[in-house]
Amino acid sequence: MDINQFLQNEFSRRQTKNKDYSLRAFAKCLGLPSGRLSEIFNGKRRVTQRVLNQVLEKLPVSPNDKVGLIQSFNEGSKREKCFTQGESYHLVQEDQFQIISDWQHFAILNLANTSDFKSDDQWIAERLGISPISVKLTVNRLIRAGLMHIVHRRTDGDRLVCTQRNFKTSDQVTSPALRIAHSNLLAKAIDSLDSYGIAERDCSSIMMAIDVRKLAEARKHIKVFRRKMAKLLEDGKQTEVYTLNIQLLPITKQKTRSQND
C-alpha cells in the first residue's frame, strides 16, 4: 500500500465512524491545507517527504505499515529520479501493466507528446474515438500507476504530462496483461485495413523458411529496428499517434527438438 491509499483508507475509516467527518477535518488533523490533501487524493500532487513524516507522526501507524509506507515512498522517489535523469526506455513493471493493458492507456501517454495536446477529456476522447468517461478513468489509472502526473500552471491551466517519454515492457516473462495488449493492437491493425487509405498506413508481410536457432538473434534485430523507427518518426513536429506492430509468427507446426536435430 502506498501513502495515498493509506490516507484514503484512514479517511474512509473515520467517515464510517462519523458520517459528518469532513476532508477539512482530516486535513487539519494531518496539519495540511484541505486543498492540498484533496489534490493528493485526486492524484494531482505527489506526497513529499515532509507530508510522509507528518502522516507517520499524526496518525496511529503500526510498525509493519510504517515500514511498508516508507519503502513504497522510497521506491517511488527512485522511479522519479530515473525519470528526471532521462532513461532511454522506462520498464513498466508487471503490477503497473496489469492496470494499463488496454490500448488507450499507451495512446494517451503518446498523445500527450503531440504538439497540440490539450488536457481536456472531451478533446482526448475525440482524438482517440473513445468516450470522455473512458478518458477520465484511463487518465486516473495512469496517474495511480505513476506514469502520468498533473503540472499546475498559472497561465494556461493544469496540464497532463508523462513521467517518462519512452516506456517498455519486459520481454523475459509471459504476461497475461501483455497478451491482452497485443491482442488489442492486432485488432486495431485489422480495423485499419478498412478505416485508412494506403497513404496513411503500411501493412506488409514476408513468408520464409527459417533456421529456428536464429530466433533469439532475430528478436534482437527487431528490437533495434523498432527503436530506430521510433527515433526516426518522433524527430519533428509530432501531430498523430501511430503504433508499429511487427509479427514474426510460425506458420508450420513446431517440430520436436529431436526432429529439428
C-alpha atoms as a PDB file:
ATOM      1  CA  MET A   1       0.000   0.000   0.000  1.00  0.00           C
ATOM      2  CA  ASP A   2       1.326   3.470  -0.865  1.00  0.00           C
ATOM      3  CA  ILE A   3       0.850   6.589   1.243  1.00  0.00           C
ATOM      4  CA  ASN A   4      -2.066   7.843  -0.894  1.00  0.00           C
ATOM      5  CA  GLN A   5      -4.006   4.608  -0.441  1.00  0.00           C
ATOM      6  CA  PHE A   6      -3.219   4.589   3.261  1.00  0.00           C
ATOM      7  CA  LEU A   7      -4.584   8.115   3.710  1.00  0.00           C
ATOM      8  CA  GLN A   8      -7.755   7.378   1.760  1.00  0.00           C
ATOM      9  CA  ASN A   9      -8.365   4.204   3.767  1.00  0.00           C
ATOM     10  CA  GLU A  10      -7.894   6.083   7.036  1.00  0.00           C
ATOM     11  CA  PHE A  11     -10.244   8.848   5.891  1.00  0.00           C
ATOM     12  CA  SER A  12     -12.887   6.275   4.895  1.00  0.00           C
ATOM     13  CA  ARG A  13     -12.496   4.534   8.265  1.00  0.00           C
ATOM     14  CA  ARG A  14     -13.145   7.804  10.105  1.00  0.00           C
ATOM     15  CA  GLN A  15     -16.151   8.619   7.916  1.00  0.00           C
ATOM     16  CA  THR A  16     -17.606   5.197   8.693  1.00  0.00           C
ATOM     17  CA  LYS A  17     -17.499   6.058  12.373  1.00  0.00           C
ATOM     18  CA  ASN A  18     -18.763   9.612  11.817  1.00  0.00           C
ATOM     19  CA  LYS A  19     -20.669  10.345   8.611  1.00  0.00           C
ATOM     20  CA  ASP A  20     -20.182  14.090   9.162  1.00  0.00           C
ATOM     21  CA  TYR A  21     -16.392  13.777   9.299  1.00  0.00           C
ATOM     22  CA  SER A  22     -15.047  16.044   6.538  1.00  0.00           C
ATOM     23  CA  LEU A  23     -11.952  16.213   4.392  1.00  0.00           C
ATOM     24  CA  ARG A  24     -11.215  19.565   6.015  1.00  0.00           C
ATOM     25  CA  ALA A  25     -11.216  17.942   9.469  1.00  0.00           C
ATOM     26  CA  PHE A  26      -8.901  15.175   8.283  1.00  0.00           C
ATOM     27  CA  ALA A  27      -6.533  17.697   6.684  1.00  0.00           C
ATOM     28  CA  LYS A  28      -6.476  19.693   9.945  1.00  0.00           C
ATOM     29  CA  CYS A  29      -5.581  16.523  11.842  1.00  0.00           C
ATOM     30  CA  LEU A  30      -2.630  15.998   9.488  1.00  0.00           C
ATOM     31  CA  GLY A  31      -1.573  19.641   9.608  1.00  0.00           C
ATOM     32  CA  LEU A  32      -2.224  20.094   5.875  1.00  0.00           C
ATOM     33  CA  PRO A  33      -4.334  22.551   3.843  1.00  0.00           C
ATOM     34  CA  SER A  34      -7.529  20.793   2.779  1.00  0.00           C
ATOM     35  CA  GLY A  35      -6.910  21.759  -0.870  1.00  0.00           C
ATOM     36  CA  ARG A  36      -3.522  20.055  -0.840  1.00  0.00           C
ATOM     37  CA  LEU A  37      -4.964  16.867   0.648  1.00  0.00           C
ATOM     38  CA  SER A  38      -7.702  16.896  -1.995  1.00  0.00           C
ATOM     39  CA  GLU A  39      -5.068  17.169  -4.730  1.00  0.00           C
ATOM     40  CA  ILE A  40      -3.148  14.250  -3.221  1.00  0.00           C
ATOM     41  CA  PHE A  41      -6.315  12.126  -3.186  1.00  0.00           C
ATOM     42  CA  ASN A  42      -7.034  13.039  -6.838  1.00  0.00           C
ATOM     43  CA  GLY A  43      -3.500  12.238  -7.969  1.00  0.00           C
ATOM     44  CA  LYS A  44      -2.758  15.872  -8.825  1.00  0.00           C
ATOM     45  CA  ARG A  45       0.009  16.251  -6.244  1.00  0.00           C
ATOM     46  CA  ARG A  46       2.730  13.895  -5.090  1.00  0.00           C
ATOM     47  CA  VAL A  47       3.270  13.116  -1.429  1.00  0.00           C
ATOM     48  CA  THR A  48       6.508  14.751  -0.283  1.00  0.00           C
ATOM     49  CA  GLN A  49       8.889  13.563   2.406  1.00  0.00           C
ATOM     50  CA  ARG A  50       7.504  16.250   4.744  1.00  0.00           C
ATOM     51  CA  VAL A  51       3.926  15.048   4.266  1.00  0.00           C
ATOM     52  CA  LEU A  52       5.005  11.459   4.851  1.00  0.00           C
ATOM     53  CA  ASN A  53       6.717  12.472   8.094  1.00  0.00           C
ATOM     54  CA  GLN A  54       3.568  14.325   9.221  1.00  0.00           C
ATOM     55  CA  VAL A  55       1.393  11.293   8.488  1.00  0.00           C
ATOM     56  CA  LEU A  56       3.699   8.992  10.461  1.00  0.00           C
ATOM     57  CA  GLU A  57       3.691  11.488  13.333  1.00  0.00           C
ATOM     58  CA  LYS A  58      -0.021  12.395  13.415  1.00  0.00           C
ATOM     59  CA  LEU A  59      -1.684   9.045  12.679  1.00  0.00           C
ATOM     60  CA  PRO A  60      -1.553   5.751  14.580  1.00  0.00           C
ATOM     61  CA  VAL A  61       0.573   3.668  12.197  1.00  0.00           C
ATOM     62  CA  SER A  62       1.583   0.110  13.051  1.00  0.00           C
ATOM     63  CA  PRO A  63       5.296  -0.800  12.776  1.00  0.00           C
ATOM     64  CA  ASN A  64       4.610  -3.027   9.748  1.00  0.00           C
ATOM     65  CA  ASP A  65       2.601  -0.315   7.981  1.00  0.00           C
ATOM     66  CA  LYS A  66       5.306   2.235   8.767  1.00  0.00           C
ATOM     67  CA  VAL A  67       7.981   0.073   7.143  1.00  0.00           C
ATOM     68  CA  GLY A  68       5.744  -0.530   4.120  1.00  0.00           C
ATOM     69  CA  LEU A  69       4.865   3.149   3.666  1.00  0.00           C
ATOM     70  CA  ILE A  70       8.499   4.245   3.889  1.00  0.00           C
ATOM     71  CA  GLN A  71       9.566   1.529   1.452  1.00  0.00           C
ATOM     72  CA  SER A  72       6.808   2.456  -1.002  1.00  0.00           C
ATOM     73  CA  PHE A  73       7.743   6.141  -0.776  1.00  0.00           C
ATOM     74  CA  ASN A  74      11.443   5.410  -1.357  1.00  0.00           C
ATOM     75  CA  GLU A  75      10.680   3.220  -4.381  1.00  0.00           C
ATOM     76  CA  GLY A  76       8.536   5.998  -5.842  1.00  0.00           C
ATOM     77  CA  SER A  77      11.346   8.505  -5.282  1.00  0.00           C
ATOM     78  CA  LYS A  78      13.784   6.210  -7.079  1.00  0.00           C
ATOM     79  CA  ARG A  79      11.432   5.960 -10.083  1.00  0.00           C
ATOM     80  CA  GLU A  80      11.032   9.720 -10.183  1.00  0.00           C
ATOM     81  CA  LYS A  81      14.829  10.169 -10.051  1.00  0.00           C
ATOM     82  CA  CYS A  82      15.179   7.804 -13.003  1.00  0.00           C
ATOM     83  CA  PHE A  83      12.571   9.815 -14.914  1.00  0.00           C
ATOM     84  CA  THR A  84      14.433  13.095 -14.409  1.00  0.00           C
ATOM     85  CA  GLN A  85      17.745  11.538 -15.414  1.00  0.00           C
ATOM     86  CA  GLY A  86      16.196  10.658 -18.764  1.00  0.00           C
ATOM     87  CA  GLU A  87      16.473   6.897 -19.145  1.00  0.00           C
ATOM     88  CA  SER A  88      16.057   5.864 -22.784  1.00  0.00           C
ATOM     89  CA  TYR A  89      13.238   3.419 -22.019  1.00  0.00           C
ATOM     90  CA  HIS A  90      11.497   3.062 -18.663  1.00  0.00           C
ATOM     91  CA  LEU A  91      10.487  -0.507 -17.786  1.00  0.00           C
ATOM     92  CA  VAL A  92       6.799  -0.723 -16.886  1.00  0.00           C
ATOM     93  CA  GLN A  93       6.500  -3.202 -14.030  1.00  0.00           C
ATOM     94  CA  GLU A  94       4.010  -6.079 -14.208  1.00  0.00           C
ATOM     95  CA  ASP A  95       1.751  -4.654 -11.498  1.00  0.00           C
ATOM     96  CA  GLN A  96       1.600  -1.340 -13.393  1.00  0.00           C
ATOM     97  CA  PHE A  97       0.931  -3.055 -16.721  1.00  0.00           C
ATOM     98  CA  GLN A  98      -1.915  -5.088 -15.242  1.00  0.00           C
ATOM     99  CA  ILE A  99      -3.658  -1.737 -14.721  1.00  0.00           C
ATOM    100  CA  ILE A 100      -2.992  -0.290 -18.176  1.00  0.00           C
ATOM    101  CA  SER A 101      -3.120  -3.268 -20.557  1.00  0.00           C
ATOM    102  CA  ASP A 102      -5.851  -1.697 -22.732  1.00  0.00           C
ATOM    103  CA  TRP A 103      -4.503   0.160 -25.788  1.00  0.00           C
ATOM    104  CA  GLN A 104      -5.927   3.582 -24.849  1.00  0.00           C
ATOM    105  CA  HIS A 105      -3.519   3.926 -21.921  1.00  0.00           C
ATOM    106  CA  PHE A 106      -0.400   3.995 -24.088  1.00  0.00           C
ATOM    107  CA  ALA A 107      -2.315   6.005 -26.689  1.00  0.00           C
ATOM    108  CA  ILE A 108      -2.918   8.790 -24.152  1.00  0.00           C
ATOM    109  CA  LEU A 109       0.696   8.617 -22.962  1.00  0.00           C
ATOM    110  CA  ASN A 110       1.837   9.252 -26.531  1.00  0.00           C
ATOM    111  CA  LEU A 111      -0.913  11.730 -27.364  1.00  0.00           C
ATOM    112  CA  ALA A 112       0.412  13.875 -24.511  1.00  0.00           C
ATOM    113  CA  ASN A 113       3.609  14.340 -26.538  1.00  0.00           C
ATOM    114  CA  THR A 114       1.863  15.801 -29.588  1.00  0.00           C
ATOM    115  CA  SER A 115       2.314  19.481 -30.342  1.00  0.00           C
ATOM    116  CA  ASP A 116      -1.365  20.488 -29.946  1.00  0.00           C
ATOM    117  CA  PHE A 117      -2.226  18.257 -26.976  1.00  0.00           C
ATOM    118  CA  LYS A 118      -4.987  19.508 -24.687  1.00  0.00           C
ATOM    119  CA  SER A 119      -5.529  18.191 -21.157  1.00  0.00           C
ATOM    120  CA  ASP A 120      -9.257  18.003 -21.796  1.00  0.00           C
ATOM    121  CA  ASP A 121     -11.292  14.774 -21.577  1.00  0.00           C
ATOM    122  CA  GLN A 122     -13.556  15.725 -24.481  1.00  0.00           C
ATOM    123  CA  TRP A 123     -10.635  16.666 -26.746  1.00  0.00           C
ATOM    124  CA  ILE A 124      -8.749  13.442 -25.962  1.00  0.00           C
ATOM    125  CA  ALA A 125     -11.928  11.403 -26.489  1.00  0.00           C
ATOM    126  CA  GLU A 126     -12.497  12.899 -29.945  1.00  0.00           C
ATOM    127  CA  ARG A 127      -8.866  12.311 -30.968  1.00  0.00           C
ATOM    128  CA  LEU A 128      -8.921   8.640 -29.931  1.00  0.00           C
ATOM    129  CA  GLY A 129     -12.529   7.771 -30.749  1.00  0.00           C
ATOM    130  CA  ILE A 130     -13.458   6.793 -27.187  1.00  0.00           C
ATOM    131  CA  SER A 131     -15.844   8.256 -24.607  1.00  0.00           C
ATOM    132  CA  PRO A 132     -14.914  11.119 -22.235  1.00  0.00           C
ATOM    133  CA  ILE A 133     -15.747   8.848 -19.281  1.00  0.00           C
ATOM    134  CA  SER A 134     -13.280   6.258 -20.598  1.00  0.00           C
ATOM    135  CA  VAL A 135     -10.671   9.002 -20.906  1.00  0.00           C
ATOM    136  CA  LYS A 136     -11.183  10.118 -17.297  1.00  0.00           C
ATOM    137  CA  LEU A 137     -10.912   6.560 -15.967  1.00  0.00           C
ATOM    138  CA  THR A 138      -7.852   5.860 -18.102  1.00  0.00           C
ATOM    139  CA  VAL A 139      -6.063   9.033 -17.026  1.00  0.00           C
ATOM    140  CA  ASN A 140      -6.790   8.278 -13.372  1.00  0.00           C
ATOM    141  CA  ARG A 141      -5.274   4.811 -13.761  1.00  0.00           C
ATOM    142  CA  LEU A 142      -2.179   6.276 -15.437  1.00  0.00           C
ATOM    143  CA  ILE A 143      -1.750   8.724 -12.570  1.00  0.00           C
ATOM    144  CA  ARG A 144      -2.182   5.999  -9.953  1.00  0.00           C
ATOM    145  CA  ALA A 145       0.357   3.839 -11.795  1.00  0.00           C
ATOM    146  CA  GLY A 146       2.857   6.697 -11.674  1.00  0.00           C
ATOM    147  CA  LEU A 147       3.044   7.034 -15.471  1.00  0.00           C
ATOM    148  CA  MET A 148       1.436  10.488 -15.667  1.00  0.00           C
ATOM    149  CA  HIS A 149       1.045  13.463 -13.373  1.00  0.00           C
ATOM    150  CA  ILE A 150      -0.543  16.905 -13.489  1.00  0.00           C
ATOM    151  CA  VAL A 151       1.593  20.021 -13.750  1.00  0.00           C
ATOM    152  CA  HIS A 152      -0.080  23.108 -12.291  1.00  0.00           C
ATOM    153  CA  ARG A 153       0.287  26.251 -14.433  1.00  0.00           C
ATOM    154  CA  ARG A 154      -0.940  29.698 -13.531  1.00  0.00           C
ATOM    155  CA  THR A 155      -1.163  30.939 -17.127  1.00  0.00           C
ATOM    156  CA  ASP A 156      -2.843  28.200 -19.163  1.00  0.00           C
ATOM    157  CA  GLY A 157      -4.251  25.835 -16.541  1.00  0.00           C
ATOM    158  CA  ASP A 158      -3.224  22.363 -15.444  1.00  0.00           C
ATOM    159  CA  ARG A 159      -1.543  20.061 -17.952  1.00  0.00           C
ATOM    160  CA  LEU A 160      -1.208  16.285 -18.056  1.00  0.00           C
ATOM    161  CA  VAL A 161       2.385  15.167 -18.668  1.00  0.00           C
ATOM    162  CA  CYS A 162       4.112  11.801 -18.852  1.00  0.00           C
ATOM    163  CA  THR A 163       6.588  10.948 -16.135  1.00  0.00           C
ATOM    164  CA  GLN A 164       8.820   9.373 -18.800  1.00  0.00           C
ATOM    165  CA  ARG A 165       8.932   9.742 -22.565  1.00  0.00           C
ATOM    166  CA  ASN A 166       9.572   6.135 -23.620  1.00  0.00           C
ATOM    167  CA  PHE A 167       8.171   3.023 -21.973  1.00  0.00           C
ATOM    168  CA  LYS A 168       8.858  -0.658 -22.463  1.00  0.00           C
ATOM    169  CA  THR A 169       7.567  -3.929 -21.029  1.00  0.00           C
ATOM    170  CA  SER A 170       9.600  -6.968 -20.075  1.00  0.00           C
ATOM    171  CA  ASP A 171      10.328  -9.455 -22.855  1.00  0.00           C
ATOM    172  CA  GLN A 172      11.654 -12.063 -20.448  1.00  0.00           C
ATOM    173  CA  VAL A 173       8.391 -13.358 -18.945  1.00  0.00           C
ATOM    174  CA  THR A 174       4.966 -14.451 -20.177  1.00  0.00           C
ATOM    175  CA  SER A 175       2.369 -11.890 -19.120  1.00  0.00           C
ATOM    176  CA  PRO A 176      -1.433 -12.263 -19.419  1.00  0.00           C
ATOM    177  CA  ALA A 177      -1.743  -8.466 -19.411  1.00  0.00           C
ATOM    178  CA  LEU A 178       0.778  -8.187 -22.242  1.00  0.00           C
ATOM    179  CA  ARG A 179      -1.110 -10.788 -24.281  1.00  0.00           C
ATOM    180  CA  ILE A 180      -4.276  -8.729 -23.885  1.00  0.00           C
ATOM    181  CA  ALA A 181      -2.425  -5.608 -25.027  1.00  0.00           C
ATOM    182  CA  HIS A 182      -1.024  -7.359 -28.100  1.00  0.00           C
ATOM    183  CA  SER A 183      -4.488  -8.717 -28.965  1.00  0.00           C
ATOM    184  CA  ASN A 184      -5.962  -5.215 -28.729  1.00  0.00           C
ATOM    185  CA  LEU A 185      -3.301  -3.755 -31.014  1.00  0.00           C
ATOM    186  CA  LEU A 186      -3.675  -6.581 -33.546  1.00  0.00           C
ATOM    187  CA  ALA A 187      -7.408  -5.860 -33.629  1.00  0.00           C
ATOM    188  CA  LYS A 188      -6.639  -2.174 -34.275  1.00  0.00           C
ATOM    189  CA  ALA A 189      -4.324  -3.196 -37.121  1.00  0.00           C
ATOM    190  CA  ILE A 190      -7.114  -5.261 -38.717  1.00  0.00           C
ATOM    191  CA  ASP A 191      -9.556  -2.340 -38.377  1.00  0.00           C
ATOM    192  CA  SER A 192      -7.049  -0.015 -40.063  1.00  0.00           C
ATOM    193  CA  LEU A 193      -7.297  -2.010 -43.314  1.00  0.00           C
ATOM    194  CA  ASP A 194     -10.824  -0.668 -43.838  1.00  0.00           C
ATOM    195  CA  SER A 195     -10.509   2.636 -41.942  1.00  0.00           C
ATOM    196  CA  TYR A 196      -7.409   4.172 -43.543  1.00  0.00           C
ATOM    197  CA  GLY A 197      -6.008   4.563 -47.035  1.00  0.00           C
ATOM    198  CA  ILE A 198      -2.643   3.255 -48.200  1.00  0.00           C
ATOM    199  CA  ALA A 199      -1.057   6.681 -47.739  1.00  0.00           C
ATOM    200  CA  GLU A 200      -1.908   6.600 -44.013  1.00  0.00           C
ATOM    201  CA  ARG A 201      -0.782   3.071 -43.175  1.00  0.00           C
ATOM    202  CA  ASP A 202       1.668   0.359 -44.152  1.00  0.00           C
ATOM    203  CA  CYS A 203       0.721  -3.311 -43.888  1.00  0.00           C
ATOM    204  CA  SER A 204       3.134  -5.807 -45.410  1.00  0.00           C
ATOM    205  CA  SER A 205       4.446  -9.303 -44.770  1.00  0.00           C
ATOM    206  CA  ILE A 206       7.045 -11.806 -45.927  1.00  0.00           C
ATOM    207  CA  MET A 207       6.936 -15.588 -45.526  1.00  0.00           C
ATOM    208  CA  MET A 208      10.134 -17.630 -45.378  1.00  0.00           C
ATOM    209  CA  ALA A 209      11.623 -20.949 -44.358  1.00  0.00           C
ATOM    210  CA  ILE A 210      13.920 -20.263 -41.406  1.00  0.00           C
ATOM    211  CA  ASP A 211      16.513 -21.718 -39.074  1.00  0.00           C
ATOM    212  CA  VAL A 212      14.732 -21.540 -35.715  1.00  0.00           C
ATOM    213  CA  ARG A 213      18.086 -21.463 -33.912  1.00  0.00           C
ATOM    214  CA  LYS A 214      18.435 -17.848 -35.070  1.00  0.00           C
ATOM    215  CA  LEU A 215      15.155 -16.648 -33.495  1.00  0.00           C
ATOM    216  CA  ALA A 216      16.876 -15.131 -30.460  1.00  0.00           C
ATOM    217  CA  GLU A 217      19.165 -13.110 -32.730  1.00  0.00           C
ATOM    218  CA  ALA A 218      16.183 -12.091 -34.877  1.00  0.00           C
ATOM    219  CA  ARG A 219      14.384 -10.755 -31.790  1.00  0.00           C
ATOM    220  CA  LYS A 220      17.363  -8.528 -31.027  1.00  0.00           C
ATOM    221  CA  HIS A 221      17.352  -7.115 -34.575  1.00  0.00           C
ATOM    222  CA  ILE A 222      13.601  -6.484 -34.399  1.00  0.00           C
ATOM    223  CA  LYS A 223      14.029  -4.558 -31.128  1.00  0.00           C
ATOM    224  CA  VAL A 224      16.781  -2.403 -32.681  1.00  0.00           C
ATOM    225  CA  PHE A 225      14.591  -1.793 -35.752  1.00  0.00           C
ATOM    226  CA  ARG A 226      11.579  -0.737 -33.616  1.00  0.00           C
ATOM    227  CA  ARG A 227      13.633   1.808 -31.720  1.00  0.00           C
ATOM    228  CA  LYS A 228      15.263   3.161 -34.885  1.00  0.00           C
ATOM    229  CA  MET A 229      11.811   3.659 -36.413  1.00  0.00           C
ATOM    230  CA  ALA A 230      10.584   5.386 -33.248  1.00  0.00           C
ATOM    231  CA  LYS A 231      13.591   7.710 -33.304  1.00  0.00           C
ATOM    232  CA  LEU A 232      13.021   8.495 -36.989  1.00  0.00           C
ATOM    233  CA  LEU A 233       9.286   9.193 -36.701  1.00  0.00           C
ATOM    234  CA  GLU A 234       9.436  11.092 -33.395  1.00  0.00           C
ATOM    235  CA  ASP A 235      12.032  13.516 -34.761  1.00  0.00           C
ATOM    236  CA  GLY A 236       9.984  16.524 -35.878  1.00  0.00           C
ATOM    237  CA  LYS A 237       6.585  18.003 -35.159  1.00  0.00           C
ATOM    238  CA  GLN A 238       4.503  15.284 -33.517  1.00  0.00           C
ATOM    239  CA  THR A 239       0.850  15.551 -34.524  1.00  0.00           C
ATOM    240  CA  GLU A 240      -0.575  12.000 -34.585  1.00  0.00           C
ATOM    241  CA  VAL A 241      -0.193   8.750 -32.602  1.00  0.00           C
ATOM    242  CA  TYR A 242       0.751   5.608 -34.530  1.00  0.00           C
ATOM    243  CA  THR A 243       1.502   2.051 -33.412  1.00  0.00           C
ATOM    244  CA  LEU A 244       4.121  -0.144 -35.106  1.00  0.00           C
ATOM    245  CA  ASN A 245       3.280  -3.858 -34.819  1.00  0.00           C
ATOM    246  CA  ILE A 246       5.785  -6.408 -36.112  1.00  0.00           C
ATOM    247  CA  GLN A 247       4.687 -10.040 -36.127  1.00  0.00           C
ATOM    248  CA  LEU A 248       7.161 -12.899 -36.527  1.00  0.00           C
ATOM    249  CA  LEU A 249       4.957 -15.974 -36.238  1.00  0.00           C
ATOM    250  CA  PRO A 250       5.324 -19.685 -37.040  1.00  0.00           C
ATOM    251  CA  ILE A 251       3.115 -20.964 -39.881  1.00  0.00           C
ATOM    252  CA  THR A 252       4.131 -24.626 -39.659  1.00  0.00           C
ATOM    253  CA  LYS A 253       3.528 -26.717 -36.564  1.00  0.00           C
ATOM    254  CA  GLN A 254       6.686 -26.782 -34.480  1.00  0.00           C
ATOM    255  CA  LYS A 255       8.748 -29.963 -34.674  1.00  0.00           C
ATOM    256  CA  THR A 256      10.257 -31.522 -31.575  1.00  0.00           C
ATOM    257  CA  ARG A 257      13.913 -30.882 -30.728  1.00  0.00           C
ATOM    258  CA  SER A 258      14.962 -34.366 -31.918  1.00  0.00           C
ATOM    259  CA  GLN A 259      13.223 -33.775 -35.257  1.00  0.00           C
ATOM    260  CA  ASN A 260      14.978 -30.425 -35.650  1.00  0.00           C
ATOM    261  CA  ASP A 261      18.322 -32.053 -34.942  1.00  0.00           C
END
